Amino acid sequence: MTIITEENFEAEVLKNDKPVFVDFFATWCGPCKMMGPIVDDLETAFDGEVKFAKCDIDKNMSVAQSYKIMSIPTMMVFKDGAPVMTHVGGVSKADLEGMIRGAL
């Protein structure tokens, strides 16, 4: 899992040739912690097809603000430098997998 920062966001997400799943989270967020193992499982399932990344909104406020992240967890799939799918809040593994597949 790639850790996204303000410094590497463009290179790791916007300029990536694969779809990129970004989990916007905070360390103090209970639902974010709940989603962690689900996202980890999906990273294994989509190995090679999709890049997975996490972005701590407290440490990277400008990235969160530029994508209008108002609630966490927010999960976005970027393709060709733009967000194509977004989900806010906790979600089942099956629903999240469907979201990712819809972006491929």
PDB file of N, CA and C in Angstrom:
ATOM      1  N   MET A   1       0.860  -1.178   0.000  1.00  0.00           N
ATOM      2  CA  MET A   1       0.000   0.000   0.000  1.00  0.00           C
ATOM      3  C   MET A   1       0.901   1.234   0.000  1.00  0.00           C
ATOM      4  N   THR A   2       0.680   2.075  -0.957  1.00  0.00           N
ATOM      5  CA  THR A   2       1.447   3.309  -1.080  1.00  0.00           C
ATOM      6  C   THR A   2       0.859   4.364  -0.150  1.00  0.00           C
ATOM      7  N   ILE A   3       1.730   5.076   0.541  1.00  0.00           N
ATOM      8  CA  ILE A   3       1.295   6.191   1.385  1.00  0.00           C
ATOM      9  C   ILE A   3       1.361   7.458   0.539  1.00  0.00           C
ATOM     10  N   ILE A   4       0.211   8.119   0.432  1.00  0.00           N
ATOM     11  CA  ILE A   4       0.117   9.326  -0.385  1.00  0.00           C
ATOM     12  C   ILE A   4       0.366  10.558   0.480  1.00  0.00           C
ATOM     13  N   THR A   5       1.182  11.454  -0.063  1.00  0.00           N
ATOM     14  CA  THR A   5       1.455  12.740   0.583  1.00  0.00           C
ATOM     15  C   THR A   5       1.189  13.846  -0.429  1.00  0.00           C
ATOM     16  N   GLU A   6       1.220  15.064   0.054  1.00  0.00           N
ATOM     17  CA  GLU A   6       1.055  16.206  -0.852  1.00  0.00           C
ATOM     18  C   GLU A   6       2.155  16.208  -1.907  1.00  0.00           C
ATOM     19  N   GLU A   7       3.341  15.727  -1.531  1.00  0.00           N
ATOM     20  CA  GLU A   7       4.479  15.744  -2.434  1.00  0.00           C
ATOM     21  C   GLU A   7       4.398  14.680  -3.534  1.00  0.00           C
ATOM     22  N   ASN A   8       3.824  13.519  -3.230  1.00  0.00           N
ATOM     23  CA  ASN A   8       3.837  12.442  -4.224  1.00  0.00           C
ATOM     24  C   ASN A   8       2.468  12.171  -4.860  1.00  0.00           C
ATOM     25  N   PHE A   9       1.435  12.923  -4.490  1.00  0.00           N
ATOM     26  CA  PHE A   9       0.084  12.662  -4.995  1.00  0.00           C
ATOM     27  C   PHE A   9       0.025  12.678  -6.518  1.00  0.00           C
ATOM     28  N   GLU A  10       0.599  13.691  -7.120  1.00  0.00           N
ATOM     29  CA  GLU A  10       0.535  13.804  -8.582  1.00  0.00           C
ATOM     30  C   GLU A  10       1.199  12.605  -9.261  1.00  0.00           C
ATOM     31  N   ALA A  11       2.404  12.260  -8.827  1.00  0.00           N
ATOM     32  CA  ALA A  11       3.137  11.165  -9.453  1.00  0.00           C
ATOM     33  C   ALA A  11       2.485   9.809  -9.194  1.00  0.00           C
ATOM     34  N   GLU A  12       2.053   9.572  -7.956  1.00  0.00           N
ATOM     35  CA  GLU A  12       1.530   8.260  -7.582  1.00  0.00           C
ATOM     36  C   GLU A  12       0.083   8.032  -8.013  1.00  0.00           C
ATOM     37  N   VAL A  13      -0.711   9.097  -8.085  1.00  0.00           N
ATOM     38  CA  VAL A  13      -2.138   8.946  -8.375  1.00  0.00           C
ATOM     39  C   VAL A  13      -2.497   9.505  -9.748  1.00  0.00           C
ATOM     40  N   LEU A  14      -2.244  10.786  -9.953  1.00  0.00           N
ATOM     41  CA  LEU A  14      -2.721  11.443 -11.166  1.00  0.00           C
ATOM     42  C   LEU A  14      -1.998  10.990 -12.430  1.00  0.00           C
ATOM     43  N   LYS A  15      -0.719  10.672 -12.308  1.00  0.00           N
ATOM     44  CA  LYS A  15       0.060  10.285 -13.488  1.00  0.00           C
ATOM     45  C   LYS A  15       0.276   8.777 -13.588  1.00  0.00           C
ATOM     46  N   ASN A  16      -0.427   8.002 -12.792  1.00  0.00           N
ATOM     47  CA  ASN A  16      -0.270   6.553 -12.824  1.00  0.00           C
ATOM     48  C   ASN A  16      -0.993   5.983 -14.030  1.00  0.00           C
ATOM     49  N   ASP A  17      -0.405   4.982 -14.661  1.00  0.00           N
ATOM     50  CA  ASP A  17      -1.042   4.388 -15.835  1.00  0.00           C
ATOM     51  C   ASP A  17      -2.099   3.350 -15.466  1.00  0.00           C
ATOM     52  N   LYS A  18      -2.199   2.987 -14.193  1.00  0.00           N
ATOM     53  CA  LYS A  18      -3.228   2.057 -13.717  1.00  0.00           C
ATOM     54  C   LYS A  18      -4.287   2.850 -12.947  1.00  0.00           C
ATOM     55  N   PRO A  19      -5.486   2.277 -12.807  1.00  0.00           N
ATOM     56  CA  PRO A  19      -6.439   2.889 -11.877  1.00  0.00           C
ATOM     57  C   PRO A  19      -5.830   2.885 -10.471  1.00  0.00           C
ATOM     58  N   VAL A  20      -6.118   3.925  -9.694  1.00  0.00           N
ATOM     59  CA  VAL A  20      -5.578   4.038  -8.345  1.00  0.00           C
ATOM     60  C   VAL A  20      -6.733   4.201  -7.362  1.00  0.00           C
ATOM     61  N   PHE A  21      -6.798   3.302  -6.387  1.00  0.00           N
ATOM     62  CA  PHE A  21      -7.774   3.357  -5.312  1.00  0.00           C
ATOM     63  C   PHE A  21      -7.124   4.117  -4.161  1.00  0.00           C
ATOM     64  N   VAL A  22      -7.733   5.229  -3.735  1.00  0.00           N
ATOM     65  CA  VAL A  22      -7.181   6.015  -2.636  1.00  0.00           C
ATOM     66  C   VAL A  22      -8.164   5.986  -1.470  1.00  0.00           C
ATOM     67  N   ASP A  23      -7.664   5.560  -0.325  1.00  0.00           N
ATOM     68  CA  ASP A  23      -8.417   5.541   0.922  1.00  0.00           C
ATOM     69  C   ASP A  23      -8.014   6.790   1.712  1.00  0.00           C
ATOM     70  N   PHE A  24      -8.907   7.784   1.744  1.00  0.00           N
ATOM     71  CA  PHE A  24      -8.680   8.988   2.548  1.00  0.00           C
ATOM     72  C   PHE A  24      -9.157   8.681   3.958  1.00  0.00           C
ATOM     73  N   PHE A  25      -8.257   8.813   4.940  1.00  0.00           N
ATOM     74  CA  PHE A  25      -8.549   8.381   6.302  1.00  0.00           C
ATOM     75  C   PHE A  25      -7.906   9.319   7.316  1.00  0.00           C
ATOM     76  N   ALA A  26      -8.188   9.055   8.599  1.00  0.00           N
ATOM     77  CA  ALA A  26      -7.489   9.699   9.711  1.00  0.00           C
ATOM     78  C   ALA A  26      -7.216   8.625  10.753  1.00  0.00           C
ATOM     79  N   THR A  27      -6.131   8.764  11.469  1.00  0.00           N
ATOM     80  CA  THR A  27      -5.740   7.739  12.439  1.00  0.00           C
ATOM     81  C   THR A  27      -6.735   7.622  13.593  1.00  0.00           C
ATOM     82  N   TRP A  28      -7.468   8.684  13.885  1.00  0.00           N
ATOM     83  CA  TRP A  28      -8.425   8.691  14.997  1.00  0.00           C
ATOM     84  C   TRP A  28      -9.818   8.205  14.598  1.00  0.00           C
ATOM     85  N   CYS A  29     -10.029   7.886  13.345  1.00  0.00           N
ATOM     86  CA  CYS A  29     -11.351   7.558  12.793  1.00  0.00           C
ATOM     87  C   CYS A  29     -11.677   6.069  12.957  1.00  0.00           C
ATOM     88  N   GLY A  30     -12.684   5.766  13.757  1.00  0.00           N
ATOM     89  CA  GLY A  30     -13.097   4.377  13.977  1.00  0.00           C
ATOM     90  C   GLY A  30     -13.538   3.662  12.705  1.00  0.00           C
ATOM     91  N   PRO A  31     -14.460   4.246  11.921  1.00  0.00           N
ATOM     92  CA  PRO A  31     -14.863   3.583  10.675  1.00  0.00           C
ATOM     93  C   PRO A  31     -13.695   3.380   9.703  1.00  0.00           C
ATOM     94  N   CYS A  32     -12.725   4.291   9.730  1.00  0.00           N
ATOM     95  CA  CYS A  32     -11.543   4.129   8.869  1.00  0.00           C
ATOM     96  C   CYS A  32     -10.769   2.872   9.283  1.00  0.00           C
ATOM     97  N   LYS A  33     -10.626   2.675  10.590  1.00  0.00           N
ATOM     98  CA  LYS A  33      -9.922   1.480  11.087  1.00  0.00           C
ATOM     99  C   LYS A  33     -10.684   0.220  10.707  1.00  0.00           C
ATOM    100  N   MET A  34     -12.022   0.291  10.730  1.00  0.00           N
ATOM    101  CA  MET A  34     -12.846  -0.843  10.366  1.00  0.00           C
ATOM    102  C   MET A  34     -12.651  -1.217   8.891  1.00  0.00           C
ATOM    103  N   MET A  35     -12.473  -0.213   8.031  1.00  0.00           N
ATOM    104  CA  MET A  35     -12.323  -0.455   6.602  1.00  0.00           C
ATOM    105  C   MET A  35     -10.929  -0.946   6.232  1.00  0.00           C
ATOM    106  N   GLY A  36      -9.942  -0.721   7.075  1.00  0.00           N
ATOM    107  CA  GLY A  36      -8.559  -1.090   6.779  1.00  0.00           C
ATOM    108  C   GLY A  36      -8.371  -2.517   6.298  1.00  0.00           C
ATOM    109  N   PRO A  37      -8.852  -3.523   7.048  1.00  0.00           N
ATOM    110  CA  PRO A  37      -8.664  -4.908   6.603  1.00  0.00           C
ATOM    111  C   PRO A  37      -9.389  -5.219   5.289  1.00  0.00           C
ATOM    112  N   ILE A  38     -10.529  -4.587   5.055  1.00  0.00           N
ATOM    113  CA  ILE A  38     -11.263  -4.793   3.799  1.00  0.00           C
ATOM    114  C   ILE A  38     -10.444  -4.266   2.626  1.00  0.00           C
ATOM    115  N   VAL A  39      -9.898  -3.063   2.798  1.00  0.00           N
ATOM    116  CA  VAL A  39      -9.072  -2.468   1.739  1.00  0.00           C
ATOM    117  C   VAL A  39      -7.826  -3.322   1.503  1.00  0.00           C
ATOM    118  N   ASP A  40      -7.232  -3.834   2.579  1.00  0.00           N
ATOM    119  CA  ASP A  40      -6.057  -4.704   2.433  1.00  0.00           C
ATOM    120  C   ASP A  40      -6.397  -5.958   1.637  1.00  0.00           C
ATOM    121  N   ASP A  41      -7.565  -6.564   1.926  1.00  0.00           N
ATOM    122  CA  ASP A  41      -7.989  -7.761   1.178  1.00  0.00           C
ATOM    123  C   ASP A  41      -8.188  -7.446  -0.301  1.00  0.00           C
ATOM    124  N   LEU A  42      -8.778  -6.298  -0.583  1.00  0.00           N
ATOM    125  CA  LEU A  42      -9.020  -5.919  -1.977  1.00  0.00           C
ATOM    126  C   LEU A  42      -7.716  -5.630  -2.705  1.00  0.00           C
ATOM    127  N   GLU A  43      -6.760  -5.079  -1.991  1.00  0.00           N
ATOM    128  CA  GLU A  43      -5.454  -4.844  -2.616  1.00  0.00           C
ATOM    129  C   GLU A  43      -4.854  -6.166  -3.093  1.00  0.00           C
ATOM    130  N   THR A  44      -4.988  -7.207  -2.286  1.00  0.00           N
ATOM    131  CA  THR A  44      -4.500  -8.524  -2.670  1.00  0.00           C
ATOM    132  C   THR A  44      -5.298  -9.068  -3.851  1.00  0.00           C
ATOM    133  N   ALA A  45      -6.613  -8.900  -3.822  1.00  0.00           N
ATOM    134  CA  ALA A  45      -7.471  -9.422  -4.886  1.00  0.00           C
ATOM    135  C   ALA A  45      -7.222  -8.744  -6.229  1.00  0.00           C
ATOM    136  N   PHE A  46      -6.910  -7.457  -6.206  1.00  0.00           N
ATOM    137  CA  PHE A  46      -6.708  -6.697  -7.449  1.00  0.00           C
ATOM    138  C   PHE A  46      -5.231  -6.489  -7.768  1.00  0.00           C
ATOM    139  N   ASP A  47      -4.372  -7.310  -7.195  1.00  0.00           N
ATOM    140  CA  ASP A  47      -2.926  -7.168  -7.378  1.00  0.00           C
ATOM    141  C   ASP A  47      -2.575  -7.098  -8.862  1.00  0.00           C
ATOM    142  N   GLY A  48      -1.911  -6.025  -9.234  1.00  0.00           N
ATOM    143  CA  GLY A  48      -1.483  -5.853 -10.620  1.00  0.00           C
ATOM    144  C   GLY A  48      -2.465  -5.081 -11.483  1.00  0.00           C
ATOM    145  N   GLU A  49      -3.751  -5.104 -11.114  1.00  0.00           N
ATOM    146  CA  GLU A  49      -4.770  -4.392 -11.895  1.00  0.00           C
ATOM    147  C   GLU A  49      -4.975  -2.963 -11.417  1.00  0.00           C
ATOM    148  N   VAL A  50      -4.919  -2.786 -10.095  1.00  0.00           N
ATOM    149  CA  VAL A  50      -5.227  -1.505  -9.465  1.00  0.00           C
ATOM    150  C   VAL A  50      -4.151  -1.213  -8.433  1.00  0.00           C
ATOM    151  N   LYS A  51      -3.708   0.030  -8.378  1.00  0.00           N
ATOM    152  CA  LYS A  51      -2.774   0.461  -7.332  1.00  0.00           C
ATOM    153  C   LYS A  51      -3.610   0.927  -6.141  1.00  0.00           C
ATOM    154  N   PHE A  52      -3.212   0.564  -4.936  1.00  0.00           N
ATOM    155  CA  PHE A  52      -3.905   0.973  -3.720  1.00  0.00           C
ATOM    156  C   PHE A  52      -3.026   1.920  -2.922  1.00  0.00           C
ATOM    157  N   ALA A  53      -3.675   2.964  -2.379  1.00  0.00           N
ATOM    158  CA  ALA A  53      -2.947   3.982  -1.637  1.00  0.00           C
ATOM    159  C   ALA A  53      -3.804   4.501  -0.492  1.00  0.00           C
ATOM    160  N   LYS A  54      -3.128   5.039   0.524  1.00  0.00           N
ATOM    161  CA  LYS A  54      -3.808   5.644   1.660  1.00  0.00           C
ATOM    162  C   LYS A  54      -3.312   7.079   1.800  1.00  0.00           C
ATOM    163  N   CYS A  55      -4.238   7.982   2.156  1.00  0.00           N
ATOM    164  CA  CYS A  55      -3.882   9.380   2.348  1.00  0.00           C
ATOM    165  C   CYS A  55      -4.458   9.859   3.672  1.00  0.00           C
ATOM    166  N   ASP A  56      -3.585  10.177   4.624  1.00  0.00           N
ATOM    167  CA  ASP A  56      -3.991  10.695   5.932  1.00  0.00           C
ATOM    168  C   ASP A  56      -4.393  12.158   5.748  1.00  0.00           C
ATOM    169  N   ILE A  57      -5.684  12.443   5.918  1.00  0.00           N
ATOM    170  CA  ILE A  57      -6.167  13.794   5.637  1.00  0.00           C
ATOM    171  C   ILE A  57      -5.618  14.833   6.610  1.00  0.00           C
ATOM    172  N   ASP A  58      -5.256  14.420   7.827  1.00  0.00           N
ATOM    173  CA  ASP A  58      -4.698  15.371   8.791  1.00  0.00           C
ATOM    174  C   ASP A  58      -3.294  15.824   8.406  1.00  0.00           C
ATOM    175  N   LYS A  59      -2.549  14.951   7.757  1.00  0.00           N
ATOM    176  CA  LYS A  59      -1.183  15.276   7.341  1.00  0.00           C
ATOM    177  C   LYS A  59      -1.130  15.869   5.936  1.00  0.00           C
ATOM    178  N   ASN A  60      -2.204  15.712   5.164  1.00  0.00           N
ATOM    179  CA  ASN A  60      -2.227  16.139   3.760  1.00  0.00           C
ATOM    180  C   ASN A  60      -3.513  16.907   3.463  1.00  0.00           C
ATOM    181  N   MET A  61      -3.722  17.970   4.221  1.00  0.00           N
ATOM    182  CA  MET A  61      -4.972  18.725   4.141  1.00  0.00           C
ATOM    183  C   MET A  61      -5.234  19.309   2.759  1.00  0.00           C
ATOM    184  N   SER A  62      -4.199  19.731   2.061  1.00  0.00           N
ATOM    185  CA  SER A  62      -4.433  20.355   0.750  1.00  0.00           C
ATOM    186  C   SER A  62      -4.969  19.337  -0.257  1.00  0.00           C
ATOM    187  N   VAL A  63      -4.512  18.079  -0.169  1.00  0.00           N
ATOM    188  CA  VAL A  63      -5.038  17.040  -1.055  1.00  0.00           C
ATOM    189  C   VAL A  63      -6.503  16.794  -0.718  1.00  0.00           C
ATOM    190  N   ALA A  64      -6.799  16.651   0.558  1.00  0.00           N
ATOM    191  CA  ALA A  64      -8.183  16.410   0.988  1.00  0.00           C
ATOM    192  C   ALA A  64      -9.087  17.569   0.577  1.00  0.00           C
ATOM    193  N   GLN A  65      -8.621  18.784   0.734  1.00  0.00           N
ATOM    194  CA  GLN A  65      -9.424  19.957   0.370  1.00  0.00           C
ATOM    195  C   GLN A  65      -9.651  20.025  -1.135  1.00  0.00           C
ATOM    196  N   SER A  66      -8.648  19.670  -1.921  1.00  0.00           N
ATOM    197  CA  SER A  66      -8.792  19.783  -3.369  1.00  0.00           C
ATOM    198  C   SER A  66      -9.819  18.786  -3.921  1.00  0.00           C
ATOM    199  N   TYR A  67     -10.061  17.693  -3.192  1.00  0.00           N
ATOM    200  CA  TYR A  67     -11.072  16.723  -3.612  1.00  0.00           C
ATOM    201  C   TYR A  67     -12.316  16.778  -2.724  1.00  0.00           C
ATOM    202  N   LYS A  68     -12.440  17.873  -1.964  1.00  0.00           N
ATOM    203  CA  LYS A  68     -13.622  18.148  -1.153  1.00  0.00           C
ATOM    204  C   LYS A  68     -13.987  16.988  -0.223  1.00  0.00           C
ATOM    205  N   ILE A  69     -12.958  16.436   0.432  1.00  0.00           N
ATOM    206  CA  ILE A  69     -13.185  15.363   1.398  1.00  0.00           C
ATOM    207  C   ILE A  69     -13.754  16.003   2.664  1.00  0.00           C
ATOM    208  N   MET A  70     -15.021  15.738   2.943  1.00  0.00           N
ATOM    209  CA  MET A  70     -15.714  16.320   4.086  1.00  0.00           C
ATOM    210  C   MET A  70     -15.962  15.292   5.196  1.00  0.00           C
ATOM    211  N   SER A  71     -16.005  14.021   4.831  1.00  0.00           N
ATOM    212  CA  SER A  71     -16.233  12.933   5.781  1.00  0.00           C
ATOM    213  C   SER A  71     -15.269  11.807   5.454  1.00  0.00           C
ATOM    214  N   ILE A  72     -14.941  11.057   6.488  1.00  0.00           N
ATOM    215  CA  ILE A  72     -14.048   9.923   6.281  1.00  0.00           C
ATOM    216  C   ILE A  72     -14.657   8.682   6.921  1.00  0.00           C
ATOM    217  N   PRO A  73     -14.328   7.514   6.426  1.00  0.00           N
ATOM    218  CA  PRO A  73     -13.465   7.299   5.273  1.00  0.00           C
ATOM    219  C   PRO A  73     -14.136   7.697   3.965  1.00  0.00           C
ATOM    220  N   THR A  74     -13.341   8.241   3.070  1.00  0.00           N
ATOM    221  CA  THR A  74     -13.762   8.470   1.690  1.00  0.00           C
ATOM    222  C   THR A  74     -12.817   7.668   0.819  1.00  0.00           C
ATOM    223  N   MET A  75     -13.381   6.871  -0.064  1.00  0.00           N
ATOM    224  CA  MET A  75     -12.581   6.052  -0.962  1.00  0.00           C
ATOM    225  C   MET A  75     -12.872   6.479  -2.388  1.00  0.00           C
ATOM    226  N   MET A  76     -11.803   6.750  -3.126  1.00  0.00           N
ATOM    227  CA  MET A  76     -11.944   7.202  -4.509  1.00  0.00           C
ATOM    228  C   MET A  76     -11.099   6.337  -5.422  1.00  0.00           C
ATOM    229  N   VAL A  77     -11.624   6.103  -6.610  1.00  0.00           N
ATOM    230  CA  VAL A  77     -10.841   5.441  -7.645  1.00  0.00           C
ATOM    231  C   VAL A  77     -10.541   6.491  -8.705  1.00  0.00           C
ATOM    232  N   PHE A  78      -9.251   6.657  -8.991  1.00  0.00           N
ATOM    233  CA  PHE A  78      -8.783   7.596 -10.009  1.00  0.00           C
ATOM    234  C   PHE A  78      -8.391   6.804 -11.241  1.00  0.00           C
ATOM    235  N   LYS A  79      -8.743   7.341 -12.388  1.00  0.00           N
ATOM    236  CA  LYS A  79      -8.347   6.724 -13.656  1.00  0.00           C
ATOM    237  C   LYS A  79      -7.990   7.855 -14.615  1.00  0.00           C
ATOM    238  N   ASP A  80      -6.849   7.727 -15.257  1.00  0.00           N
ATOM    239  CA  ASP A  80      -6.382   8.752 -16.191  1.00  0.00           C
ATOM    240  C   ASP A  80      -6.351  10.131 -15.543  1.00  0.00           C
ATOM    241  N   GLY A  81      -5.948  10.178 -14.271  1.00  0.00           N
ATOM    242  CA  GLY A  81      -5.754  11.449 -13.585  1.00  0.00           C
ATOM    243  C   GLY A  81      -6.995  12.100 -13.014  1.00  0.00           C
ATOM    244  N   ALA A  82      -8.122  11.407 -13.036  1.00  0.00           N
ATOM    245  CA  ALA A  82      -9.359  12.003 -12.520  1.00  0.00           C
ATOM    246  C   ALA A  82     -10.126  10.990 -11.680  1.00  0.00           C
ATOM    247  N   PRO A  83     -10.842  11.463 -10.654  1.00  0.00           N
ATOM    248  CA  PRO A  83     -11.666  10.541  -9.876  1.00  0.00           C
ATOM    249  C   PRO A  83     -12.863  10.071 -10.705  1.00  0.00           C
ATOM    250  N   VAL A  84     -13.079   8.762 -10.739  1.00  0.00           N
ATOM    251  CA  VAL A  84     -14.187   8.204 -11.508  1.00  0.00           C
ATOM    252  C   VAL A  84     -15.233   7.527 -10.623  1.00  0.00           C
ATOM    253  N   MET A  85     -14.879   7.189  -9.403  1.00  0.00           N
ATOM    254  CA  MET A  85     -15.805   6.580  -8.458  1.00  0.00           C
ATOM    255  C   MET A  85     -15.463   7.078  -7.062  1.00  0.00           C
ATOM    256  N   THR A  86     -16.491   7.332  -6.249  1.00  0.00           N
ATOM    257  CA  THR A  86     -16.285   7.794  -4.876  1.00  0.00           C
ATOM    258  C   THR A  86     -17.297   7.118  -3.968  1.00  0.00           C
ATOM    259  N   HIS A  87     -16.841   6.731  -2.776  1.00  0.00           N
ATOM    260  CA  HIS A  87     -17.751   6.246  -1.746  1.00  0.00           C
ATOM    261  C   HIS A  87     -17.331   6.872  -0.418  1.00  0.00           C
ATOM    262  N   VAL A  88     -18.319   7.371   0.318  1.00  0.00           N
ATOM    263  CA  VAL A  88     -18.069   7.977   1.624  1.00  0.00           C
ATOM    264  C   VAL A  88     -18.686   7.084   2.686  1.00  0.00           C
ATOM    265  N   GLY A  89     -17.898   6.771   3.716  1.00  0.00           N
ATOM    266  CA  GLY A  89     -18.392   5.971   4.828  1.00  0.00           C
ATOM    267  C   GLY A  89     -18.037   4.502   4.688  1.00  0.00           C
ATOM    268  N   GLY A  90     -18.424   3.739   5.708  1.00  0.00           N
ATOM    269  CA  GLY A  90     -18.172   2.311   5.693  1.00  0.00           C
ATOM    270  C   GLY A  90     -19.003   1.634   4.612  1.00  0.00           C
ATOM    271  N   VAL A  91     -18.471   0.567   4.080  1.00  0.00           N
ATOM    272  CA  VAL A  91     -19.143  -0.149   2.990  1.00  0.00           C
ATOM    273  C   VAL A  91     -18.696  -1.609   3.042  1.00  0.00           C
ATOM    274  N   SER A  92     -19.524  -2.493   2.524  1.00  0.00           N
ATOM    275  CA  SER A  92     -19.162  -3.909   2.505  1.00  0.00           C
ATOM    276  C   SER A  92     -18.038  -4.154   1.497  1.00  0.00           C
ATOM    277  N   LYS A  93     -17.359  -5.253   1.698  1.00  0.00           N
ATOM    278  CA  LYS A  93     -16.290  -5.630   0.773  1.00  0.00           C
ATOM    279  C   LYS A  93     -16.851  -5.823  -0.633  1.00  0.00           C
ATOM    280  N   ALA A  94     -18.017  -6.463  -0.738  1.00  0.00           N
ATOM    281  CA  ALA A  94     -18.625  -6.717  -2.051  1.00  0.00           C
ATOM    282  C   ALA A  94     -18.975  -5.415  -2.761  1.00  0.00           C
ATOM    283  N   ASP A  95     -19.529  -4.444  -2.031  1.00  0.00           N
ATOM    284  CA  ASP A  95     -19.875  -3.163  -2.648  1.00  0.00           C
ATOM    285  C   ASP A  95     -18.629  -2.411  -3.094  1.00  0.00           C
ATOM    286  N   LEU A  96     -17.597  -2.453  -2.278  1.00  0.00           N
ATOM    287  CA  LEU A  96     -16.349  -1.772  -2.627  1.00  0.00           C
ATOM    288  C   LEU A  96     -15.694  -2.448  -3.832  1.00  0.00           C
ATOM    289  N   GLU A  97     -15.747  -3.758  -3.869  1.00  0.00           N
ATOM    290  CA  GLU A  97     -15.206  -4.492  -5.025  1.00  0.00           C
ATOM    291  C   GLU A  97     -15.972  -4.110  -6.298  1.00  0.00           C
ATOM    292  N   GLY A  98     -17.280  -3.990  -6.194  1.00  0.00           N
ATOM    293  CA  GLY A  98     -18.083  -3.584  -7.341  1.00  0.00           C
ATOM    294  C   GLY A  98     -17.727  -2.185  -7.811  1.00  0.00           C
ATOM    295  N   MET A  99     -17.476  -1.289  -6.863  1.00  0.00           N
ATOM    296  CA  MET A  99     -17.074   0.075  -7.199  1.00  0.00           C
ATOM    297  C   MET A  99     -15.767   0.066  -7.987  1.00  0.00           C
ATOM    298  N   ILE A 100     -14.815  -0.737  -7.523  1.00  0.00           N
ATOM    299  CA  ILE A 100     -13.517  -0.814  -8.191  1.00  0.00           C
ATOM    300  C   ILE A 100     -13.674  -1.412  -9.590  1.00  0.00           C
ATOM    301  N   ARG A 101     -14.433  -2.502  -9.692  1.00  0.00           N
ATOM    302  CA  ARG A 101     -14.640  -3.144 -10.995  1.00  0.00           C
ATOM    303  C   ARG A 101     -15.318  -2.188 -11.977  1.00  0.00           C
ATOM    304  N   GLY A 102     -16.220  -1.363 -11.468  1.00  0.00           N
ATOM    305  CA  GLY A 102     -16.904  -0.388 -12.313  1.00  0.00           C
ATOM    306  C   GLY A 102     -15.971   0.654 -12.887  1.00  0.00           C
ATOM    307  N   ALA A 103     -14.830   0.844 -12.240  1.00  0.00           N
ATOM    308  CA  ALA A 103     -13.868   1.842 -12.698  1.00  0.00           C
ATOM    309  C   ALA A 103     -12.828   1.266 -13.650  1.00  0.00           C
ATOM    310  N   LEU A 104     -12.780  -0.046 -13.752  1.00  0.00           N
ATOM    311  CA  LEU A 104     -11.738  -0.661 -14.598  1.00  0.00           C
ATOM    312  C   LEU A 104     -12.051  -0.568 -16.072  1.00  0.00           C
TER     313      LEU A 104
END
